[in-house]
């Protein structure tokens, strides 16, 4: 096999594959990337059996073939190669296989020789099916960004260690919760799905989605028996699903929607106030106290070892006054993702969950449990 690539194109593909290939595994083949020619196209693939990626790379095929190459070592080499020649032209990288599965990598005057493995034992990756959901990559990335911060990191609650993707009719939702907060992003599809969807996608997968599908392009989502595929013409990301039943998040949202103390605040202004005041909150549990009365909001924090801070801002209120405590980080995570000039906060009392949502539209909301005063 002999292939020639532009250095930058190869490096971009290796960055995607390197995030997927197993760094520690009992099977050496899973630490490698597969480089393979099919017809006039060059495919690069990697997998750790939980998540996999297959992408097409532009390059010149001098001699077709296939080989697997240690992912980290190839990434390290390609990263350090110069991007331009002495004359200012993009550099070319030549990858050649020799006897005994040795791989030679040449670029300008640099030459490397490393050991590869034959592709016989490389796990096959599934293909895109005929039944799929179509959505833009920008929409998927935004929905992930608005929810992923609320996902649990506790291994004992594995079914919360991901984002719940639900599609009913023509409405798609992404949901994440850790039991202390709940974030829901909603999107109206162009057409209804034939069969409702409810799957839990691991955090590693959703992080790779936002890292890989950076161009604003159409993504096809296909469900297999226990896997989900996200595919564009050049890249396919495959992931196993988290097994388990996701909690009934609607049972959390419905009562909070009826909260009758409503506060409307400028989103950026409130975010700035919370961020400043939280500087003197306890770093381990950054509790802030929020008090609203007659159109004024007072945000304060007090920590014996650090001191205290407070700041006021004007807001619109209806339904009475409230005094409540929050984890400042939870509030800031939501406000950074509201996406509108004003935010609405709905309260009931100092011990009940609070809902935060954009002042306009119904595509996003978050429910936060309060802290004890």
Protein backbone atom coordinates (compact mmCIF):
# COMPACT_ATOMS: atom_id res chain seq x y z
CA UNK A 1 0.00 0.00 0.00
CA UNK A 2 1.19 3.49 -0.83
CA UNK A 3 -0.88 6.60 -0.09
CA UNK A 4 -0.13 10.31 -0.28
CA UNK A 5 -1.99 12.94 1.81
CA UNK A 6 -1.93 16.65 2.49
CA UNK A 7 -0.52 16.91 6.01
CA UNK A 8 -3.35 19.11 7.33
CA UNK A 9 -6.09 16.83 5.96
CA UNK A 10 -4.47 13.77 7.53
CA UNK A 11 -3.97 15.59 10.82
CA UNK A 12 -7.63 16.65 11.00
CA UNK A 13 -8.78 13.07 10.46
CA UNK A 14 -6.28 11.74 13.01
CA UNK A 15 -7.56 14.16 15.63
CA UNK A 16 -11.07 12.72 15.23
CA UNK A 17 -9.92 9.11 15.20
CA UNK A 18 -7.45 9.58 18.05
CA UNK A 19 -10.26 10.67 20.39
CA UNK A 20 -12.05 7.39 19.70
CA UNK A 21 -9.25 4.78 19.58
CA UNK A 22 -8.74 2.95 22.87
CA UNK A 23 -5.81 4.28 24.88
CA UNK A 24 -5.79 1.32 27.28
CA UNK A 25 -7.15 -2.01 26.17
CA UNK A 26 -6.31 -5.68 26.36
CA UNK A 27 -6.77 -5.89 22.57
CA UNK A 28 -3.84 -4.13 20.83
CA UNK A 29 -5.87 -3.75 17.62
CA UNK A 30 -8.24 -1.32 19.39
CA UNK A 31 -5.35 1.10 20.00
CA UNK A 32 -4.81 1.27 16.23
CA UNK A 33 -6.52 3.15 13.44
CA UNK A 34 -7.48 1.34 10.27
CA UNK A 35 -6.28 2.85 7.00
CA UNK A 36 -7.94 1.18 4.02
CA UNK A 37 -8.64 1.87 0.36
CA UNK A 38 -12.04 0.99 -1.09
CA UNK A 39 -12.23 1.75 -4.80
CA UNK A 40 -10.89 5.25 -5.28
CA UNK A 41 -11.61 6.35 -1.69
CA UNK A 42 -9.41 6.20 1.42
CA UNK A 43 -11.11 5.26 4.69
CA UNK A 44 -9.80 5.89 8.21
CA UNK A 45 -11.51 4.11 11.12
CA UNK A 46 -11.09 3.68 14.88
CA UNK A 47 -13.10 2.06 17.67
CA UNK A 48 -12.91 1.08 21.34
CA UNK A 49 -15.98 -1.18 20.94
CA UNK A 50 -18.16 1.41 22.73
CA UNK A 51 -17.76 4.15 20.16
CA UNK A 52 -16.39 4.06 16.62
CA UNK A 53 -15.65 6.44 13.77
CA UNK A 54 -15.20 6.01 10.05
CA UNK A 55 -14.20 8.91 7.79
CA UNK A 56 -13.10 9.50 4.22
CA UNK A 57 -9.77 11.26 3.65
CA UNK A 58 -8.71 13.02 0.48
CA UNK A 59 -5.50 11.52 -0.83
CA UNK A 60 -3.73 9.91 -3.73
CA UNK A 61 -3.74 6.11 -4.04
CA UNK A 62 -0.49 4.93 -5.56
CA UNK A 63 -0.98 1.34 -4.44
CA UNK A 64 -4.23 0.17 -2.74
CA UNK A 65 -4.30 -1.86 0.46
CA UNK A 66 -5.01 -1.74 4.17
CA UNK A 67 -3.15 -1.67 7.48
CA UNK A 68 -3.77 -0.71 11.10
CA UNK A 69 -1.36 1.76 12.71
CA UNK A 70 -0.95 2.70 16.41
CA UNK A 71 -3.24 5.73 16.76
CA UNK A 72 -1.25 7.70 19.33
CA UNK A 73 2.08 7.21 17.61
CA UNK A 74 0.69 8.18 14.20
CA UNK A 75 -1.02 11.24 15.73
CA UNK A 76 2.19 12.31 17.45
CA UNK A 77 4.17 12.00 14.22
CA UNK A 78 1.66 13.80 12.00
CA UNK A 79 1.20 16.60 14.54
CA UNK A 80 4.92 17.38 14.57
CA UNK A 81 5.33 17.43 10.78
CA UNK A 82 5.65 20.79 9.09
CA UNK A 83 2.50 22.07 7.37
CA UNK A 84 4.30 23.88 4.55
CA UNK A 85 7.43 23.28 2.49
CA UNK A 86 10.36 25.68 2.25
CA UNK A 87 8.70 27.12 -0.86
CA UNK A 88 5.40 27.69 0.98
CA UNK A 89 3.48 24.78 -0.55
CA UNK A 90 1.35 22.42 1.61
CA UNK A 91 3.44 19.45 2.66
CA UNK A 92 2.63 15.92 1.54
CA UNK A 93 2.78 12.84 3.75
CA UNK A 94 3.46 9.46 2.18
CA UNK A 95 2.43 6.32 4.03
CA UNK A 96 3.76 3.03 2.69
CA UNK A 97 3.52 -0.52 3.97
CA UNK A 98 6.49 -2.86 3.69
CA UNK A 99 7.08 -6.48 4.68
CA UNK A 100 6.05 -7.76 8.12
CA UNK A 101 3.35 -5.05 8.42
CA UNK A 102 5.90 -2.27 8.82
CA UNK A 103 4.67 1.23 8.03
CA UNK A 104 6.89 3.94 6.60
CA UNK A 105 5.86 7.59 6.98
CA UNK A 106 7.69 10.18 4.90
CA UNK A 107 7.35 13.96 4.80
CA UNK A 108 9.95 16.23 3.23
CA UNK A 109 13.27 15.01 4.69
CA UNK A 110 11.69 13.26 7.70
CA UNK A 111 11.20 9.51 7.66
CA UNK A 112 9.67 7.19 10.27
CA UNK A 113 9.23 3.44 10.39
CA UNK A 114 6.76 1.89 12.89
CA UNK A 115 5.09 -1.47 13.40
CA UNK A 116 1.51 -1.94 12.24
CA UNK A 117 -0.96 -4.80 12.47
CA UNK A 118 -2.96 -6.48 9.69
CA UNK A 119 -6.61 -5.46 9.51
CA UNK A 120 -7.97 -9.02 9.90
CA UNK A 121 -8.94 -8.56 13.56
CA UNK A 122 -10.16 -4.96 13.31
CA UNK A 123 -13.85 -4.95 14.40
CA UNK A 124 -16.29 -4.29 11.54
CA UNK A 125 -18.28 -1.05 11.86
CA UNK A 126 -21.99 -1.00 10.91
CA UNK A 127 -23.28 0.91 7.89
CA UNK A 128 -26.00 3.57 7.77
CA UNK A 129 -29.45 1.99 7.48
CA UNK A 130 -32.33 2.94 5.19
CA UNK A 131 -34.48 4.39 7.98
CA UNK A 132 -32.97 7.54 9.45
CA UNK A 133 -33.76 10.90 11.01
CA UNK A 134 -32.27 13.99 9.35
CA UNK A 135 -31.20 17.11 11.26
CA UNK A 136 -28.53 19.80 10.94
CA UNK A 137 -25.24 19.39 12.82
CA UNK A 138 -25.60 22.94 14.18
CA UNK A 139 -28.93 22.02 15.79
CA UNK A 140 -27.55 18.83 17.35
CA UNK A 141 -24.52 20.68 18.74
CA UNK A 142 -26.66 23.45 20.22
CA UNK A 143 -29.04 20.97 21.88
CA UNK A 144 -26.09 19.07 23.36
CA UNK A 145 -24.46 22.26 24.63
CA UNK A 146 -27.70 23.32 26.33
CA UNK A 147 -28.12 20.03 28.20
CA UNK A 148 -24.85 18.11 28.65
CA UNK A 149 -23.74 20.11 31.69
CA UNK A 150 -26.66 18.64 33.67
CA UNK A 151 -25.75 14.99 33.03
CA UNK A 152 -24.60 12.90 35.99
CA UNK A 153 -21.00 11.79 36.43
CA UNK A 154 -21.76 9.27 39.20
CA UNK A 155 -21.00 5.76 37.98
CA UNK A 156 -23.59 4.24 40.32
CA UNK A 157 -26.35 5.88 38.25
CA UNK A 158 -25.10 4.79 34.85
CA UNK A 159 -28.41 5.52 33.09
CA UNK A 160 -27.93 9.22 33.92
CA UNK A 161 -24.38 9.28 32.48
CA UNK A 162 -25.58 10.47 29.12
CA UNK A 163 -28.15 12.49 27.20
CA UNK A 164 -31.63 11.11 26.65
CA UNK A 165 -32.68 11.59 23.01
CA UNK A 166 -36.44 11.40 22.61
CA UNK A 167 -38.45 11.83 19.43
CA UNK A 168 -42.25 11.70 19.54
CA UNK A 169 -44.03 12.62 16.33
CA UNK A 170 -42.32 15.73 14.98
CA UNK A 171 -40.77 16.88 18.28
CA UNK A 172 -37.20 16.01 19.20
CA UNK A 173 -35.90 16.53 22.73
CA UNK A 174 -32.56 16.12 24.46
CA UNK A 175 -32.67 15.70 28.23
CA UNK A 176 -29.98 15.50 30.91
CA UNK A 177 -30.19 15.31 34.70
CA UNK A 178 -28.04 14.48 37.70
CA UNK A 179 -30.91 14.50 40.18
CA UNK A 180 -30.17 18.06 41.32
CA UNK A 181 -30.93 19.78 38.01
CA UNK A 182 -32.67 18.92 34.78
CA UNK A 183 -32.11 20.48 31.35
CA UNK A 184 -34.40 19.97 28.35
CA UNK A 185 -33.79 21.24 24.79
CA UNK A 186 -36.62 20.96 22.25
CA UNK A 187 -36.61 21.08 18.44
CA UNK A 188 -39.46 20.99 15.94
CA UNK A 189 -38.70 18.55 13.12
CA UNK A 190 -39.83 19.12 9.54
CA UNK A 191 -41.73 15.82 9.52
CA UNK A 192 -42.89 13.17 11.97
CA UNK A 193 -40.94 9.98 12.60
CA UNK A 194 -42.56 6.63 11.80
CA UNK A 195 -41.68 5.20 15.20
CA UNK A 196 -41.06 7.04 18.46
CA UNK A 197 -37.47 7.10 19.74
CA UNK A 198 -36.15 7.02 23.30
CA UNK A 199 -32.41 6.28 23.72
CA UNK A 200 -29.62 7.22 26.15
CA UNK A 201 -26.41 8.36 24.42
CA UNK A 202 -23.14 8.22 26.45
CA UNK A 203 -21.36 11.45 27.36
CA UNK A 204 -18.23 10.42 25.44
CA UNK A 205 -20.34 10.14 22.30
CA UNK A 206 -22.10 13.49 22.64
CA UNK A 207 -18.76 15.19 23.30
CA UNK A 208 -17.40 13.64 20.11
CA UNK A 209 -20.46 14.79 18.15
CA UNK A 210 -19.76 18.44 18.98
CA UNK A 211 -16.05 17.94 18.29
CA UNK A 212 -16.46 16.13 14.97
CA UNK A 213 -19.47 17.65 13.21
CA UNK A 214 -18.22 21.23 13.18
CA UNK A 215 -19.42 22.15 9.69
CA UNK A 216 -23.06 23.20 9.31
CA UNK A 217 -24.23 20.16 7.38
CA UNK A 218 -26.99 17.57 7.42
CA UNK A 219 -26.57 14.66 9.82
CA UNK A 220 -28.47 11.40 9.44
CA UNK A 221 -29.30 9.54 12.67
CA UNK A 222 -29.91 5.79 12.41
CA UNK A 223 -30.93 3.40 15.18
CA UNK A 224 -29.70 -0.17 15.21
CA UNK A 225 -30.42 -2.83 17.85
CA UNK A 226 -28.21 -1.37 20.58
CA UNK A 227 -26.32 1.31 18.66
CA UNK A 228 -26.89 4.72 17.11
CA UNK A 229 -25.15 6.13 14.03
CA UNK A 230 -24.57 9.80 13.22
CA UNK A 231 -23.54 10.17 9.60
CA UNK A 232 -22.60 12.81 7.02
CA UNK A 233 -21.30 12.05 3.52
CA UNK A 234 -17.70 11.88 4.83
CA UNK A 235 -17.96 10.91 8.52
CA UNK A 236 -19.89 8.26 10.45
CA UNK A 237 -19.87 8.13 14.25
CA UNK A 238 -21.14 4.91 15.83
CA UNK A 239 -21.99 4.48 19.49
CA UNK A 240 -23.36 1.84 21.81
CA UNK A 241 -26.36 2.98 23.83
CA UNK A 242 -26.63 3.08 27.61
CA UNK A 243 -29.02 0.41 28.80
CA UNK A 244 -31.68 1.27 31.35
CA UNK A 245 -34.90 3.24 31.65
CA UNK A 246 -34.59 7.00 31.78
CA UNK A 247 -36.52 8.73 34.60
CA UNK A 248 -39.92 10.31 33.87
CA UNK A 249 -38.62 13.86 33.45
CA UNK A 250 -42.09 15.18 32.59
CA UNK A 251 -43.16 14.33 36.16
CA UNK A 252 -40.51 16.82 37.35
CA UNK A 253 -41.38 19.55 34.86
CA UNK A 254 -45.18 19.60 35.09
CA UNK A 255 -45.48 20.75 38.73
CA UNK A 256 -42.76 23.41 38.27
CA UNK A 257 -44.60 24.88 35.28
CA UNK A 258 -47.33 25.90 37.75
CA UNK A 259 -44.99 27.93 39.98
CA UNK A 260 -46.74 31.28 40.50
CA UNK A 261 -43.91 33.63 41.51
CA UNK A 262 -42.45 34.82 38.21
CA UNK A 263 -39.30 36.87 37.79
CA UNK A 264 -38.11 38.29 34.46
CA UNK A 265 -34.47 39.43 34.30
CA UNK A 266 -31.92 40.51 31.72
CA UNK A 267 -29.97 37.32 31.04
CA UNK A 268 -26.46 38.78 30.68
CA UNK A 269 -26.94 41.12 33.62
CA UNK A 270 -28.13 38.32 35.92
CA UNK A 271 -25.28 36.06 34.78
CA UNK A 272 -22.74 38.80 35.57
CA UNK A 273 -24.24 39.45 39.01
CA UNK A 274 -24.25 35.74 39.94
CA UNK A 275 -20.70 35.31 38.66
CA UNK A 276 -19.38 38.25 40.70
CA UNK A 277 -21.19 37.39 43.92
CA UNK A 278 -20.18 33.71 43.70
CA UNK A 279 -16.52 34.74 43.99
CA UNK A 280 -17.07 34.83 47.76
CA UNK A 281 -19.17 31.67 47.93
CA UNK A 282 -17.76 28.43 49.31
CA UNK A 283 -15.73 26.93 46.40
CA UNK A 284 -16.86 23.38 47.24
CA UNK A 285 -20.59 24.19 47.44
CA UNK A 286 -20.97 27.67 45.88
CA UNK A 287 -24.25 28.67 47.50
CA UNK A 288 -25.78 32.06 46.71
CA UNK A 289 -28.89 33.57 48.28
CA UNK A 290 -31.50 35.19 46.03
CA UNK A 291 -34.16 37.57 47.36
CA UNK A 292 -36.72 39.38 45.23
CA UNK A 293 -39.08 42.12 46.37
CA UNK A 294 -40.88 44.95 44.57
CA UNK A 295 -38.93 44.76 41.33
CA UNK A 296 -35.49 44.40 42.90
CA UNK A 297 -33.36 41.28 43.08
CA UNK A 298 -30.68 40.93 45.74
CA UNK A 299 -28.01 38.26 45.22
CA UNK A 300 -25.62 37.55 48.09
CA UNK A 301 -23.03 35.05 49.30
CA UNK A 302 -21.23 34.63 52.60
CA UNK A 303 -18.34 32.37 53.57
CA UNK A 304 -16.67 32.78 57.00
CA UNK A 305 -13.16 32.14 55.64
CA UNK A 306 -13.56 34.40 52.59
CA UNK A 307 -16.02 37.18 53.41
CA UNK A 308 -19.32 38.24 51.91
CA UNK A 309 -20.69 39.86 48.75
CA UNK A 310 -24.02 41.19 47.58
CA UNK A 311 -25.38 43.00 44.55
CA UNK A 312 -28.79 44.28 43.47
CA UNK A 313 -30.40 44.51 40.06
CA UNK A 314 -33.79 45.56 38.69
CA UNK A 315 -36.19 42.84 37.55
CA UNK A 316 -39.86 42.41 36.70
CA UNK A 317 -41.77 40.42 39.30
CA UNK A 318 -45.27 39.10 39.70
CA UNK A 319 -46.93 36.83 42.21
CA UNK A 320 -45.10 37.92 45.36
CA UNK A 321 -41.60 37.82 46.81
CA UNK A 322 -39.20 34.93 47.30
CA UNK A 323 -36.10 34.10 49.32
CA UNK A 324 -34.14 31.06 48.13
CA UNK A 325 -30.59 29.64 47.85
CA UNK A 326 -28.96 28.06 44.80
CA UNK A 327 -25.75 26.45 43.68
CA UNK A 328 -24.28 29.39 41.73
CA UNK A 329 -22.65 27.10 39.16
CA UNK A 330 -26.01 25.52 38.29
CA UNK A 331 -27.57 28.94 37.68
CA UNK A 332 -24.66 30.13 35.53
CA UNK A 333 -24.70 26.95 33.43
CA UNK A 334 -28.32 27.65 32.50
CA UNK A 335 -27.99 31.38 31.90
CA UNK A 336 -25.07 30.80 29.51
CA UNK A 337 -27.38 28.69 27.34
CA UNK A 338 -30.70 30.55 27.51
CA UNK A 339 -29.96 32.37 24.26
CA UNK A 340 -32.43 35.26 24.67
CA UNK A 341 -32.08 38.79 26.04
CA UNK A 342 -34.34 38.03 28.99
CA UNK A 343 -34.81 34.95 31.16
CA UNK A 344 -37.83 33.84 33.16
CA UNK A 345 -37.47 32.27 36.60
CA UNK A 346 -40.51 30.59 38.17
CA UNK A 347 -40.56 30.03 41.95
CA UNK A 348 -43.02 28.56 44.44
CA UNK A 349 -41.22 28.82 47.79
CA UNK A 350 -37.74 28.51 49.29
CA UNK A 351 -37.76 24.70 49.22
CA UNK A 352 -39.37 23.91 45.85
CA UNK A 353 -37.63 23.42 42.47
CA UNK A 354 -37.23 26.48 40.25
CA UNK A 355 -37.64 26.66 36.49
CA UNK A 356 -35.43 28.86 34.31
CA UNK A 357 -36.28 29.38 30.64
CA UNK A 358 -35.95 31.91 27.81
CA UNK A 359 -38.47 34.76 27.91
CA UNK A 360 -39.31 33.93 24.29
CA UNK A 361 -39.98 30.52 22.76
CA UNK A 362 -40.47 27.07 24.25
CA UNK A 363 -37.31 25.33 23.02
CA UNK A 364 -35.42 25.24 26.32
CA UNK A 365 -35.90 24.98 30.07
CA UNK A 366 -34.00 23.92 33.14
CA UNK A 367 -35.21 22.88 36.58
CA UNK A 368 -32.90 23.42 39.57
CA UNK A 369 -33.29 22.11 43.09
CA UNK A 370 -32.68 24.79 45.73
CA UNK A 371 -30.17 24.59 48.58
CA UNK A 372 -31.20 25.06 52.20
CA UNK A 373 -30.84 28.60 53.47
